[in-house]
Each structure stands twice: as structure tokens, then as C-alpha cells.
Amino acid sequence: MSNTVLFDLDGTLIDHFSVLFRCYDHTLTRLERPIPSAETVRRSVGGSMEVTMSKFVPEGQIQEAAQIWRTHFDKIFLEEITLLPGAVDIIQQLHVKGTKLAVFTNKIGSYSRAICQHLKIAPYLSLILGADDTPFRKPDREFSQLALDRLGTTSENACLIGDSPFDIKSAQTVGMKSYCVTTGTHSREELSQDDPDGIFHSLPELAEAVFDLTLPLSSAV
């Protein structure tokens, strides 16, 4: 049993997609670029905003687009944000069992900490580490190792829960177990290509299979 659990944020613990899509819509409208569908954007996110933006604007416009995106995100990032079913319960139950918990994300660290505070899960977390907190991002080995070092643990005693290949590779690069939920950007078939240690429909299903926890029925809604 892992004594430390690292959670990805978007698509794993929270649904923030409406805000993210509004930012891409706003940015591409300002730049008079074609507006992709919500589903196209959903399937494109997961690495970093700049990586996603590169799929919608020419290379020479990425920095301008990123600035427009961030300015708009600053204004609305705490709107339309919800915890996914089971998120609070799995965090609370693991915390009661003495498990050390962290958020490990490619979302900018300052935003991630504000979001966790807003959703009242920050007190359960020993670390909230995101993009711009270090020069690294998922799936850089240095990023994963830094998270483990700051948590005072090793890959053998930790696991990572996420929703994308970035999460699986981030765990694998340091020899850490990875478990995925299909509540985010990738399907079971897509996730299976990177050979995680488990793929689950939801956090309640994962909690029971991996940690032998039974979450309240309301968590599975």
C-alpha cells in the first residue's frame, strides 16, 4: 500500500473544462482564428496551455495567444469549477488513514493552490506542485522526482492518480505506480496504450480497487 498519493488536478479531482474552453474561445476570437469545438479542445489539453495553444495558432502567435489566455483566465478561473464525484471522499478517507497527499499538476502552481483553497481541499494536502513552480513539467523526470523529494518519500512508497498519458509517463519515469480515471481527457483505450497499473471509470471505483475504501453512494453520482 502506498503511503503517499499524488493526484493530478484537472480531469482527476476537478472539472474546470468550461473555464478552460472559454479562455481558448476568447483568445482565438481576439486573434481572429478558427474556434475549435469543445470536444477538440478537451482532447487537446493535458500538457500545458502553450502546448495546447500550438494546435490552434501558428508558432509565431503562441506567446501573444498565451498572454491573452492568461489575462482572461485570471478574471474567471474560480468560476464554474467543481470537484469530481468521489474527490472529497477519497482525499478525506486517505487522510484519516495517515496517507500523505499531494496535487501534482501541469496547471500553474499559484492557480492550483488558489483552486484547492477555494474548494476546501488544501488542508488535506502536504504539497501542491504545479507548472511555473519549477522549470519542469510532466512528464519530465525531474518534476516527478522533485515532488517525491519534497514529500520526503520514494517512488516505491508512492503512486500517482491521473487522467492522461502525461500522468502515466510522469510516474513511470521514476518507477512509481500509476492509476488512471477516465473522467478527463482520454479514453480507456488511449490510456491503456501507455500501460498504467490500473484504469478506472471513476474515483469511487478506483478507491475501492486500489485502496480498499468504500466511498458514500453520493460520490458515485
Protein backbone atom coordinates (compact mmCIF):
# COMPACT_ATOMS: atom_id res chain seq x y z
CA MET A 1 0.00 0.00 0.00
CA SER A 2 1.36 3.43 -0.99
CA ASN A 3 1.85 5.79 1.93
CA THR A 4 1.90 8.79 -0.41
CA VAL A 5 -0.59 9.58 -3.18
CA LEU A 6 -0.08 12.25 -5.81
CA PHE A 7 -3.22 13.45 -7.60
CA ASP A 8 -3.40 15.22 -10.91
CA LEU A 9 -5.87 18.11 -10.77
CA ASP A 10 -7.86 18.75 -13.98
CA GLY A 11 -9.96 15.79 -15.05
CA THR A 12 -8.93 13.82 -11.97
CA LEU A 13 -10.05 15.81 -8.94
CA ILE A 14 -11.82 18.74 -10.60
CA ASP A 15 -13.86 19.66 -13.65
CA HIS A 16 -12.54 23.01 -14.85
CA PHE A 17 -13.14 22.48 -18.53
CA SER A 18 -15.85 25.08 -19.05
CA VAL A 19 -13.49 27.84 -17.90
CA LEU A 20 -10.62 26.48 -19.98
CA PHE A 21 -12.75 26.34 -23.11
CA ARG A 22 -13.99 29.88 -22.53
CA CYS A 23 -10.37 31.04 -22.41
CA TYR A 24 -9.49 29.35 -25.70
CA ASP A 25 -12.66 30.71 -27.29
CA HIS A 26 -11.87 34.23 -26.06
CA THR A 27 -8.23 34.07 -27.19
CA LEU A 28 -8.88 32.67 -30.65
CA THR A 29 -11.71 35.13 -31.22
CA ARG A 30 -9.37 38.02 -30.35
CA LEU A 31 -6.76 36.66 -32.78
CA GLU A 32 -9.40 36.03 -35.47
CA ARG A 33 -8.50 32.35 -35.60
CA PRO A 34 -10.97 29.48 -36.16
CA ILE A 35 -12.72 28.36 -32.97
CA PRO A 36 -12.37 24.59 -32.39
CA SER A 37 -15.21 22.61 -30.92
CA ALA A 38 -15.34 21.98 -27.19
CA GLU A 39 -14.56 18.31 -27.82
CA THR A 40 -11.48 19.20 -29.88
CA VAL A 41 -10.18 21.41 -27.07
CA ARG A 42 -10.99 18.76 -24.46
CA ARG A 43 -8.92 16.19 -26.32
CA SER A 44 -6.05 18.66 -26.76
CA VAL A 45 -5.47 19.73 -23.16
CA GLY A 46 -3.27 17.95 -20.64
CA GLY A 47 0.30 19.03 -21.32
CA SER A 48 0.42 22.78 -20.85
CA MET A 49 -1.56 25.71 -22.15
CA GLU A 50 1.20 26.62 -24.62
CA VAL A 51 1.32 23.06 -25.97
CA THR A 52 -2.45 23.08 -26.43
CA MET A 53 -2.40 26.56 -27.97
CA SER A 54 0.20 25.46 -30.53
CA LYS A 55 -2.50 23.26 -32.06
CA PHE A 56 -4.69 26.27 -32.78
CA VAL A 57 -2.35 29.15 -33.69
CA PRO A 58 0.87 29.47 -35.72
CA GLU A 59 4.13 29.21 -33.77
CA GLY A 60 4.75 32.95 -34.09
CA GLN A 61 1.48 33.74 -32.29
CA ILE A 62 1.80 31.36 -29.36
CA GLN A 63 3.25 33.88 -26.92
CA GLU A 64 0.70 36.55 -27.79
CA ALA A 65 -2.07 34.00 -27.52
CA ALA A 66 -0.75 32.77 -24.18
CA GLN A 67 -0.79 36.30 -22.76
CA ILE A 68 -4.38 36.88 -23.87
CA TRP A 69 -5.39 33.49 -22.45
CA ARG A 70 -3.77 34.13 -19.07
CA THR A 71 -5.26 37.60 -18.72
CA HIS A 72 -8.75 36.21 -19.29
CA PHE A 73 -8.11 33.16 -17.08
CA ASP A 74 -7.06 35.47 -14.23
CA LYS A 75 -10.53 37.02 -14.31
CA ILE A 76 -12.63 33.85 -14.41
CA PHE A 77 -10.60 30.91 -13.11
CA LEU A 78 -12.68 30.40 -9.95
CA GLU A 79 -15.94 30.33 -11.91
CA GLU A 80 -17.69 27.10 -12.99
CA ILE A 81 -15.30 24.82 -11.11
CA THR A 82 -16.45 21.65 -9.38
CA LEU A 83 -14.94 18.67 -7.62
CA LEU A 84 -15.49 15.41 -9.47
CA PRO A 85 -17.56 12.66 -7.79
CA GLY A 86 -15.57 10.96 -5.06
CA ALA A 87 -12.79 13.56 -4.91
CA VAL A 88 -13.52 14.90 -1.42
CA ASP A 89 -14.28 11.47 -0.01
CA ILE A 90 -11.15 9.73 -1.30
CA ILE A 91 -8.99 12.61 -0.05
CA GLN A 92 -10.65 12.65 3.37
CA GLN A 93 -10.55 8.88 3.85
CA LEU A 94 -6.92 8.56 2.75
CA HIS A 95 -6.02 11.47 5.05
CA VAL A 96 -7.71 9.74 8.01
CA LYS A 97 -5.65 6.61 7.28
CA GLY A 98 -2.47 8.70 7.53
CA THR A 99 -1.65 8.78 3.83
CA LYS A 100 0.38 11.76 2.70
CA LEU A 101 -1.44 13.54 -0.14
CA ALA A 102 -0.37 15.95 -2.87
CA VAL A 103 -1.60 17.66 -6.01
CA PHE A 104 0.89 17.29 -8.84
CA THR A 105 -0.20 19.15 -11.96
CA ASN A 106 0.77 20.97 -15.13
CA LYS A 107 -1.67 23.72 -14.17
CA ILE A 108 0.21 26.78 -12.91
CA GLY A 109 1.04 26.28 -9.25
CA SER A 110 -0.38 29.56 -7.94
CA TYR A 111 -3.72 28.90 -9.63
CA SER A 112 -3.72 25.32 -8.39
CA ARG A 113 -3.20 26.41 -4.79
CA ALA A 114 -5.96 29.04 -5.08
CA ILE A 115 -8.33 26.46 -6.54
CA CYS A 116 -7.59 23.91 -3.81
CA GLN A 117 -8.17 26.59 -1.18
CA HIS A 118 -11.41 27.64 -2.87
CA LEU A 119 -12.65 24.04 -2.93
CA LYS A 120 -11.54 23.48 0.70
CA ILE A 121 -9.26 20.52 -0.02
CA ALA A 122 -5.95 22.33 0.59
CA PRO A 123 -5.83 21.46 4.33
CA TYR A 124 -5.57 17.75 3.44
CA LEU A 125 -2.63 18.25 1.09
CA SER A 126 1.04 18.19 2.06
CA LEU A 127 2.10 19.64 -1.30
CA ILE A 128 0.53 21.41 -4.28
CA LEU A 129 3.14 21.49 -7.04
CA GLY A 130 2.42 22.89 -10.46
CA ALA A 131 3.84 24.48 -13.56
CA ASP A 132 5.99 27.57 -13.01
CA ASP A 133 6.91 26.35 -9.51
CA THR A 134 9.92 24.74 -11.19
CA PRO A 135 11.45 24.76 -14.69
CA PHE A 136 9.94 21.29 -15.24
CA ARG A 137 6.59 19.88 -16.28
CA LYS A 138 5.03 16.47 -16.70
CA PRO A 139 6.34 14.10 -17.89
CA ASP A 140 9.86 15.40 -17.07
CA ARG A 141 11.61 13.00 -14.72
CA GLU A 142 12.97 15.95 -12.73
CA PHE A 143 9.45 17.17 -11.98
CA SER A 144 8.33 13.81 -10.63
CA GLN A 145 11.47 13.36 -8.59
CA LEU A 146 11.16 16.84 -7.13
CA ALA A 147 7.63 16.07 -5.97
CA LEU A 148 8.81 12.88 -4.27
CA ASP A 149 11.74 14.68 -2.67
CA ARG A 150 9.54 17.46 -1.30
CA LEU A 151 7.15 14.87 0.10
CA GLY A 152 10.03 13.01 1.73
CA THR A 153 9.18 9.71 0.08
CA THR A 154 10.35 7.34 -2.64
CA SER A 155 8.76 6.01 -5.79
CA GLU A 156 8.32 2.59 -4.16
CA ASN A 157 6.11 4.13 -1.47
CA ALA A 158 4.04 6.43 -3.69
CA CYS A 159 1.58 6.32 -6.55
CA LEU A 160 0.16 8.84 -8.98
CA ILE A 161 -3.51 9.14 -9.93
CA GLY A 162 -4.33 10.98 -13.14
CA ASP A 163 -6.32 11.05 -16.35
CA SER A 164 -3.77 11.32 -19.15
CA PRO A 165 -0.66 9.77 -20.69
CA PHE A 166 1.32 12.65 -19.17
CA ASP A 167 0.44 11.27 -15.73
CA ILE A 168 1.33 7.69 -16.61
CA LYS A 169 4.69 8.70 -18.08
CA SER A 170 5.41 11.00 -15.14
CA ALA A 171 5.03 8.05 -12.79
CA GLN A 172 6.90 5.60 -14.97
CA THR A 173 9.90 7.87 -15.37
CA VAL A 174 10.69 7.45 -11.65
CA GLY A 175 9.36 3.89 -11.26
CA MET A 176 6.16 4.92 -9.47
CA LYS A 177 2.82 3.14 -9.87
CA SER A 178 0.17 4.98 -11.86
CA TYR A 179 -3.60 4.67 -11.82
CA CYS A 180 -5.95 6.47 -14.20
CA VAL A 181 -9.59 7.56 -14.28
CA THR A 182 -11.49 8.18 -17.49
CA THR A 183 -13.16 11.33 -16.16
CA GLY A 184 -10.80 13.64 -18.01
CA THR A 185 -9.31 13.97 -21.45
CA HIS A 186 -8.58 10.38 -22.51
CA SER A 187 -10.48 7.16 -23.02
CA ARG A 188 -9.65 3.78 -21.53
CA GLU A 189 -8.31 2.65 -24.90
CA GLU A 190 -6.00 5.65 -25.19
CA LEU A 191 -4.74 5.30 -21.61
CA SER A 192 -4.10 1.59 -21.97
CA GLN A 193 -1.51 2.25 -24.67
CA ASP A 194 0.89 3.57 -22.01
CA ASP A 195 0.35 0.60 -19.67
CA PRO A 196 -0.69 2.18 -16.35
CA ASP A 197 -1.14 -0.06 -13.32
CA GLY A 198 -4.90 0.38 -13.45
CA ILE A 199 -7.65 2.24 -15.33
CA PHE A 200 -10.98 3.04 -13.68
CA HIS A 201 -14.26 4.64 -14.62
CA SER A 202 -14.28 6.94 -11.59
CA LEU A 203 -12.59 7.81 -8.31
CA PRO A 204 -15.06 5.71 -6.28
CA GLU A 205 -14.23 2.66 -8.42
CA LEU A 206 -10.50 3.36 -8.06
CA ALA A 207 -10.80 3.93 -4.30
CA GLU A 208 -12.34 0.52 -3.76
CA ALA A 209 -9.99 -1.40 -6.05
CA VAL A 210 -6.70 0.26 -5.10
CA PHE A 211 -7.18 1.41 -1.51
CA ASP A 212 -10.00 -0.84 -0.25
CA LEU A 213 -12.11 2.21 0.53
CA THR A 214 -15.87 2.39 0.25
CA LEU A 215 -17.00 5.88 -0.67
CA PRO A 216 -20.54 7.14 0.03
CA LEU A 217 -23.12 6.44 -2.67
CA SER A 218 -23.34 10.17 -3.37
CA SER A 219 -19.71 10.08 -4.50
CA ALA A 220 -20.60 7.92 -7.48
CA VAL A 221 -23.33 10.21 -8.81
